[in-house]
Structures are given as C-alpha cells and as structure tokens.
C-alpha cells in the first residue's frame, strides 16, 4: 500500500511561491533571515500547505477504498 501525494495545481503554486520567498529572505553568510517575523509567517504557511496536501491525498485514498 503506497501513499502517493497528488497535489493540485494551486497547492503546487503556493508551495513554490512560499519556498522561493523563504529562499530569498535567507542570508546564507550569517544563517539568518532578513525579516524574521515575515519568515516565521512564510514557514508557518509553507508547513500548513504541505500538511493540507498530504491530508487531502490521504482522504481521497480512503474514499476510494470504501
């Protein structure tokens, strides 16, 4: 039983935008963020969007089994 994550187009766009914003905000020389409060919001939204993608795919998989 393999679980495949099948995200929709909008989920992928959100994750790419948030990931790119986090990458641009991060300073690799000092290992800090330029704006830590904004980075915290980006990280929170990034994690929530990934969790929702996984949760949706599990729900769809469970509906198919029943």
PDB file of N, CA and C in Angstrom:
ATOM      1  N   UNK A   1       0.843  -1.175   0.000  1.00  0.00           N
ATOM      2  CA  UNK A   1       0.000   0.000   0.000  1.00  0.00           C
ATOM      3  C   UNK A   1       0.892   1.244   0.000  1.00  0.00           C
ATOM      4  N   UNK A   2       1.076   1.826  -1.155  1.00  0.00           N
ATOM      5  CA  UNK A   2       1.892   3.029  -1.240  1.00  0.00           C
ATOM      6  C   UNK A   2       1.000   4.258  -1.243  1.00  0.00           C
ATOM      7  N   UNK A   3       1.421   5.262  -0.527  1.00  0.00           N
ATOM      8  CA  UNK A   3       0.659   6.508  -0.467  1.00  0.00           C
ATOM      9  C   UNK A   3       1.303   7.510  -1.417  1.00  0.00           C
ATOM     10  N   UNK A   4       0.535   7.940  -2.388  1.00  0.00           N
ATOM     11  CA  UNK A   4       1.040   8.903  -3.351  1.00  0.00           C
ATOM     12  C   UNK A   4       0.376  10.246  -3.083  1.00  0.00           C
ATOM     13  N   UNK A   5       1.185  11.278  -3.025  1.00  0.00           N
ATOM     14  CA  UNK A   5       0.662  12.622  -2.837  1.00  0.00           C
ATOM     15  C   UNK A   5       0.357  13.186  -4.220  1.00  0.00           C
ATOM     16  N   UNK A   6      -0.912  13.499  -4.447  1.00  0.00           N
ATOM     17  CA  UNK A   6      -1.325  14.051  -5.731  1.00  0.00           C
ATOM     18  C   UNK A   6      -1.833  15.475  -5.512  1.00  0.00           C
ATOM     19  N   UNK A   7      -0.923  16.436  -5.460  1.00  0.00           N
ATOM     20  CA  UNK A   7      -1.358  17.815  -5.213  1.00  0.00           C
ATOM     21  C   UNK A   7      -2.004  18.418  -6.455  1.00  0.00           C
ATOM     22  N   UNK A   8      -2.877  19.377  -6.209  1.00  0.00           N
ATOM     23  CA  UNK A   8      -3.464  20.084  -7.346  1.00  0.00           C
ATOM     24  C   UNK A   8      -2.573  21.262  -7.730  1.00  0.00           C
ATOM     25  N   UNK A   9      -2.922  21.918  -8.808  1.00  0.00           N
ATOM     26  CA  UNK A   9      -2.098  22.987  -9.367  1.00  0.00           C
ATOM     27  C   UNK A   9      -1.907  24.138  -8.380  1.00  0.00           C
ATOM     28  N   UNK A  10      -2.973  24.532  -7.685  1.00  0.00           N
ATOM     29  CA  UNK A  10      -2.894  25.670  -6.778  1.00  0.00           C
ATOM     30  C   UNK A  10      -1.995  25.371  -5.574  1.00  0.00           C
ATOM     31  N   UNK A  11      -2.022  24.145  -5.090  1.00  0.00           N
ATOM     32  CA  UNK A  11      -1.151  23.767  -3.978  1.00  0.00           C
ATOM     33  C   UNK A  11       0.321  23.856  -4.384  1.00  0.00           C
ATOM     34  N   UNK A  12       0.613  23.404  -5.580  1.00  0.00           N
ATOM     35  CA  UNK A  12       1.993  23.463  -6.070  1.00  0.00           C
ATOM     36  C   UNK A  12       2.450  24.916  -6.201  1.00  0.00           C
ATOM     37  N   UNK A  13       1.590  25.773  -6.735  1.00  0.00           N
ATOM     38  CA  UNK A  13       1.937  27.188  -6.902  1.00  0.00           C
ATOM     39  C   UNK A  13       2.197  27.832  -5.547  1.00  0.00           C
ATOM     40  N   UNK A  14       1.357  27.565  -4.567  1.00  0.00           N
ATOM     41  CA  UNK A  14       1.529  28.143  -3.229  1.00  0.00           C
ATOM     42  C   UNK A  14       2.848  27.698  -2.614  1.00  0.00           C
ATOM     43  N   UNK A  15       3.157  26.411  -2.710  1.00  0.00           N
ATOM     44  CA  UNK A  15       4.402  25.897  -2.132  1.00  0.00           C
ATOM     45  C   UNK A  15       5.621  26.497  -2.840  1.00  0.00           C
ATOM     46  N   UNK A  16       5.561  26.633  -4.146  1.00  0.00           N
ATOM     47  CA  UNK A  16       6.696  27.210  -4.884  1.00  0.00           C
ATOM     48  C   UNK A  16       6.895  28.673  -4.513  1.00  0.00           C
ATOM     49  N   UNK A  17       5.819  29.436  -4.422  1.00  0.00           N
ATOM     50  CA  UNK A  17       5.932  30.853  -4.076  1.00  0.00           C
ATOM     51  C   UNK A  17       6.489  31.023  -2.665  1.00  0.00           C
ATOM     52  N   UNK A  18       5.960  30.271  -1.714  1.00  0.00           N
ATOM     53  CA  UNK A  18       6.437  30.391  -0.334  1.00  0.00           C
ATOM     54  C   UNK A  18       7.883  29.923  -0.196  1.00  0.00           C
ATOM     55  N   UNK A  19       8.227  28.847  -0.874  1.00  0.00           N
ATOM     56  CA  UNK A  19       9.609  28.358  -0.833  1.00  0.00           C
ATOM     57  C   UNK A  19      10.586  29.357  -1.431  1.00  0.00           C
ATOM     58  N   UNK A  20      10.197  29.967  -2.550  1.00  0.00           N
ATOM     59  CA  UNK A  20      11.049  30.985  -3.173  1.00  0.00           C
ATOM     60  C   UNK A  20      11.218  32.209  -2.293  1.00  0.00           C
ATOM     61  N   UNK A  21      10.133  32.618  -1.641  1.00  0.00           N
ATOM     62  CA  UNK A  21      10.209  33.777  -0.748  1.00  0.00           C
ATOM     63  C   UNK A  21      11.126  33.485   0.439  1.00  0.00           C
ATOM     64  N   UNK A  22      11.017  32.280   0.985  1.00  0.00           N
ATOM     65  CA  UNK A  22      11.904  31.913   2.093  1.00  0.00           C
ATOM     66  C   UNK A  22      13.362  31.875   1.646  1.00  0.00           C
ATOM     67  N   UNK A  23      13.598  31.355   0.463  1.00  0.00           N
ATOM     68  CA  UNK A  23      14.957  31.273  -0.061  1.00  0.00           C
ATOM     69  C   UNK A  23      15.560  32.665  -0.254  1.00  0.00           C
ATOM     70  N   UNK A  24      14.754  33.606  -0.754  1.00  0.00           N
ATOM     71  CA  UNK A  24      15.241  34.971  -0.971  1.00  0.00           C
ATOM     72  C   UNK A  24      15.488  35.702   0.344  1.00  0.00           C
ATOM     73  N   UNK A  25      14.694  35.403   1.361  1.00  0.00           N
ATOM     74  CA  UNK A  25      14.825  36.073   2.655  1.00  0.00           C
ATOM     75  C   UNK A  25      16.031  35.571   3.455  1.00  0.00           C
ATOM     76  N   UNK A  26      16.506  34.358   3.162  1.00  0.00           N
ATOM     77  CA  UNK A  26      17.555  33.743   3.969  1.00  0.00           C
ATOM     78  C   UNK A  26      18.926  34.264   3.573  1.00  0.00           C
ATOM     79  N   UNK A  27      19.717  34.642   4.572  1.00  0.00           N
ATOM     80  CA  UNK A  27      21.085  35.099   4.354  1.00  0.00           C
ATOM     81  C   UNK A  27      22.020  33.931   4.661  1.00  0.00           C
ATOM     82  N   UNK A  28      22.657  33.370   3.641  1.00  0.00           N
ATOM     83  CA  UNK A  28      23.467  32.174   3.808  1.00  0.00           C
ATOM     84  C   UNK A  28      24.810  32.449   4.479  1.00  0.00           C
ATOM     85  N   UNK A  29      25.266  33.680   4.492  1.00  0.00           N
ATOM     86  CA  UNK A  29      26.533  34.001   5.148  1.00  0.00           C
ATOM     87  C   UNK A  29      26.378  33.985   6.668  1.00  0.00           C
ATOM     88  N   UNK A  30      25.265  34.542   7.149  1.00  0.00           N
ATOM     89  CA  UNK A  30      25.050  34.619   8.599  1.00  0.00           C
ATOM     90  C   UNK A  30      24.035  33.606   9.105  1.00  0.00           C
ATOM     91  N   UNK A  31      23.423  32.859   8.210  1.00  0.00           N
ATOM     92  CA  UNK A  31      22.384  31.885   8.545  1.00  0.00           C
ATOM     93  C   UNK A  31      21.253  32.523   9.346  1.00  0.00           C
ATOM     94  N   UNK A  32      20.781  33.652   8.859  1.00  0.00           N
ATOM     95  CA  UNK A  32      19.660  34.354   9.476  1.00  0.00           C
ATOM     96  C   UNK A  32      18.701  34.813   8.385  1.00  0.00           C
ATOM     97  N   UNK A  33      17.518  35.212   8.801  1.00  0.00           N
ATOM     98  CA  UNK A  33      16.554  35.785   7.880  1.00  0.00           C
ATOM     99  C   UNK A  33      16.632  37.298   7.962  1.00  0.00           C
ATOM    100  N   UNK A  34      16.382  37.964   6.832  1.00  0.00           N
ATOM    101  CA  UNK A  34      16.396  39.423   6.814  1.00  0.00           C
ATOM    102  C   UNK A  34      15.272  39.983   7.681  1.00  0.00           C
ATOM    103  N   UNK A  35      14.092  39.410   7.550  1.00  0.00           N
ATOM    104  CA  UNK A  35      12.925  39.821   8.328  1.00  0.00           C
ATOM    105  C   UNK A  35      12.382  38.585   9.046  1.00  0.00           C
ATOM    106  N   UNK A  36      12.816  38.353  10.284  1.00  0.00           N
ATOM    107  CA  UNK A  36      12.448  37.112  10.977  1.00  0.00           C
ATOM    108  C   UNK A  36      10.943  36.923  11.185  1.00  0.00           C
ATOM    109  N   UNK A  37      10.204  37.996  11.438  1.00  0.00           N
ATOM    110  CA  UNK A  37       8.765  37.854  11.658  1.00  0.00           C
ATOM    111  C   UNK A  37       8.064  37.410  10.373  1.00  0.00           C
ATOM    112  N   UNK A  38       8.432  37.998   9.258  1.00  0.00           N
ATOM    113  CA  UNK A  38       7.849  37.614   7.981  1.00  0.00           C
ATOM    114  C   UNK A  38       8.255  36.192   7.605  1.00  0.00           C
ATOM    115  N   UNK A  39       9.479  35.822   7.899  1.00  0.00           N
ATOM    116  CA  UNK A  39       9.947  34.468   7.623  1.00  0.00           C
ATOM    117  C   UNK A  39       9.160  33.451   8.447  1.00  0.00           C
ATOM    118  N   UNK A  40       8.822  33.791   9.686  1.00  0.00           N
ATOM    119  CA  UNK A  40       8.035  32.890  10.522  1.00  0.00           C
ATOM    120  C   UNK A  40       6.649  32.666   9.926  1.00  0.00           C
ATOM    121  N   UNK A  41       6.058  33.714   9.388  1.00  0.00           N
ATOM    122  CA  UNK A  41       4.745  33.588   8.732  1.00  0.00           C
ATOM    123  C   UNK A  41       4.874  32.724   7.487  1.00  0.00           C
ATOM    124  N   UNK A  42       5.914  32.928   6.696  1.00  0.00           N
ATOM    125  CA  UNK A  42       6.133  32.127   5.496  1.00  0.00           C
ATOM    126  C   UNK A  42       6.328  30.652   5.848  1.00  0.00           C
ATOM    127  N   UNK A  43       7.130  30.376   6.858  1.00  0.00           N
ATOM    128  CA  UNK A  43       7.382  28.995   7.269  1.00  0.00           C
ATOM    129  C   UNK A  43       6.093  28.336   7.739  1.00  0.00           C
ATOM    130  N   UNK A  44       5.309  29.061   8.535  1.00  0.00           N
ATOM    131  CA  UNK A  44       4.039  28.530   9.033  1.00  0.00           C
ATOM    132  C   UNK A  44       3.108  28.197   7.871  1.00  0.00           C
ATOM    133  N   UNK A  45       2.972  29.099   6.920  1.00  0.00           N
ATOM    134  CA  UNK A  45       2.099  28.873   5.768  1.00  0.00           C
ATOM    135  C   UNK A  45       2.626  27.739   4.889  1.00  0.00           C
ATOM    136  N   UNK A  46       3.933  27.643   4.740  1.00  0.00           N
ATOM    137  CA  UNK A  46       4.556  26.589   3.951  1.00  0.00           C
ATOM    138  C   UNK A  46       4.253  25.224   4.545  1.00  0.00           C
ATOM    139  N   UNK A  47       4.422  25.100   5.841  1.00  0.00           N
ATOM    140  CA  UNK A  47       4.168  23.825   6.518  1.00  0.00           C
ATOM    141  C   UNK A  47       2.693  23.461   6.458  1.00  0.00           C
ATOM    142  N   UNK A  48       1.819  24.431   6.701  1.00  0.00           N
ATOM    143  CA  UNK A  48       0.379  24.175   6.649  1.00  0.00           C
ATOM    144  C   UNK A  48      -0.041  23.725   5.253  1.00  0.00           C
ATOM    145  N   UNK A  49       0.490  24.351   4.209  1.00  0.00           N
ATOM    146  CA  UNK A  49       0.108  23.975   2.851  1.00  0.00           C
ATOM    147  C   UNK A  49       0.568  22.558   2.514  1.00  0.00           C
ATOM    148  N   UNK A  50       1.737  22.168   2.965  1.00  0.00           N
ATOM    149  CA  UNK A  50       2.215  20.809   2.717  1.00  0.00           C
ATOM    150  C   UNK A  50       1.379  19.798   3.493  1.00  0.00           C
ATOM    151  N   UNK A  51       1.058  20.109   4.742  1.00  0.00           N
ATOM    152  CA  UNK A  51       0.223  19.205   5.547  1.00  0.00           C
ATOM    153  C   UNK A  51      -1.154  19.039   4.911  1.00  0.00           C
ATOM    154  N   UNK A  52      -1.721  20.111   4.406  1.00  0.00           N
ATOM    155  CA  UNK A  52      -3.036  20.028   3.775  1.00  0.00           C
ATOM    156  C   UNK A  52      -2.992  19.198   2.489  1.00  0.00           C
ATOM    157  N   UNK A  53      -1.900  19.291   1.730  1.00  0.00           N
ATOM    158  CA  UNK A  53      -1.765  18.462   0.534  1.00  0.00           C
ATOM    159  C   UNK A  53      -1.743  16.992   0.909  1.00  0.00           C
ATOM    160  N   UNK A  54      -0.979  16.649   1.941  1.00  0.00           N
ATOM    161  CA  UNK A  54      -0.875  15.258   2.372  1.00  0.00           C
ATOM    162  C   UNK A  54      -2.213  14.777   2.922  1.00  0.00           C
ATOM    163  N   UNK A  55      -2.864  15.605   3.700  1.00  0.00           N
ATOM    164  CA  UNK A  55      -4.146  15.233   4.294  1.00  0.00           C
ATOM    165  C   UNK A  55      -5.207  15.007   3.225  1.00  0.00           C
ATOM    166  N   UNK A  56      -5.251  15.863   2.210  1.00  0.00           N
ATOM    167  CA  UNK A  56      -6.214  15.697   1.125  1.00  0.00           C
ATOM    168  C   UNK A  56      -5.968  14.408   0.368  1.00  0.00           C
ATOM    169  N   UNK A  57      -4.711  14.089   0.107  1.00  0.00           N
ATOM    170  CA  UNK A  57      -4.417  12.874  -0.649  1.00  0.00           C
ATOM    171  C   UNK A  57      -4.785  11.636   0.162  1.00  0.00           C
ATOM    172  N   UNK A  58      -4.607  11.661   1.468  1.00  0.00           N
ATOM    173  CA  UNK A  58      -4.991  10.523   2.303  1.00  0.00           C
ATOM    174  C   UNK A  58      -6.503  10.370   2.339  1.00  0.00           C
ATOM    175  N   UNK A  59      -7.232  11.479   2.411  1.00  0.00           N
ATOM    176  CA  UNK A  59      -8.692  11.421   2.424  1.00  0.00           C
ATOM    177  C   UNK A  59      -9.227  10.853   1.113  1.00  0.00           C
ATOM    178  N   UNK A  60      -8.668  11.263   0.001  1.00  0.00           N
ATOM    179  CA  UNK A  60      -9.109  10.753  -1.292  1.00  0.00           C
ATOM    180  C   UNK A  60      -8.805   9.274  -1.425  1.00  0.00           C
ATOM    181  N   UNK A  61      -7.655   8.853  -0.890  1.00  0.00           N
ATOM    182  CA  UNK A  61      -7.270   7.451  -0.959  1.00  0.00           C
ATOM    183  C   UNK A  61      -8.206   6.595  -0.107  1.00  0.00           C
ATOM    184  N   UNK A  62      -8.600   7.111   1.067  1.00  0.00           N
ATOM    185  CA  UNK A  62      -9.509   6.375   1.931  1.00  0.00           C
ATOM    186  C   UNK A  62     -10.902   6.277   1.316  1.00  0.00           C
ATOM    187  N   UNK A  63     -11.349   7.300   0.613  1.00  0.00           N
ATOM    188  CA  UNK A  63     -12.653   7.271  -0.038  1.00  0.00           C
ATOM    189  C   UNK A  63     -12.687   6.248  -1.162  1.00  0.00           C
ATOM    190  N   UNK A  64     -11.579   6.099  -1.857  1.00  0.00           N
ATOM    191  CA  UNK A  64     -11.515   5.115  -2.945  1.00  0.00           C
ATOM    192  C   UNK A  64     -11.588   3.693  -2.419  1.00  0.00           C
ATOM    193  N   UNK A  65     -11.035   3.435  -1.232  1.00  0.00           N
ATOM    194  CA  UNK A  65     -11.038   2.098  -0.659  1.00  0.00           C
ATOM    195  C   UNK A  65     -12.428   1.693  -0.199  1.00  0.00           C
ATOM    196  N   UNK A  66     -13.194   2.649   0.266  1.00  0.00           N
ATOM    197  CA  UNK A  66     -14.533   2.329   0.777  1.00  0.00           C
ATOM    198  C   UNK A  66     -15.452   2.177  -0.354  1.00  0.00           C
TER     199      UNK A  66
END
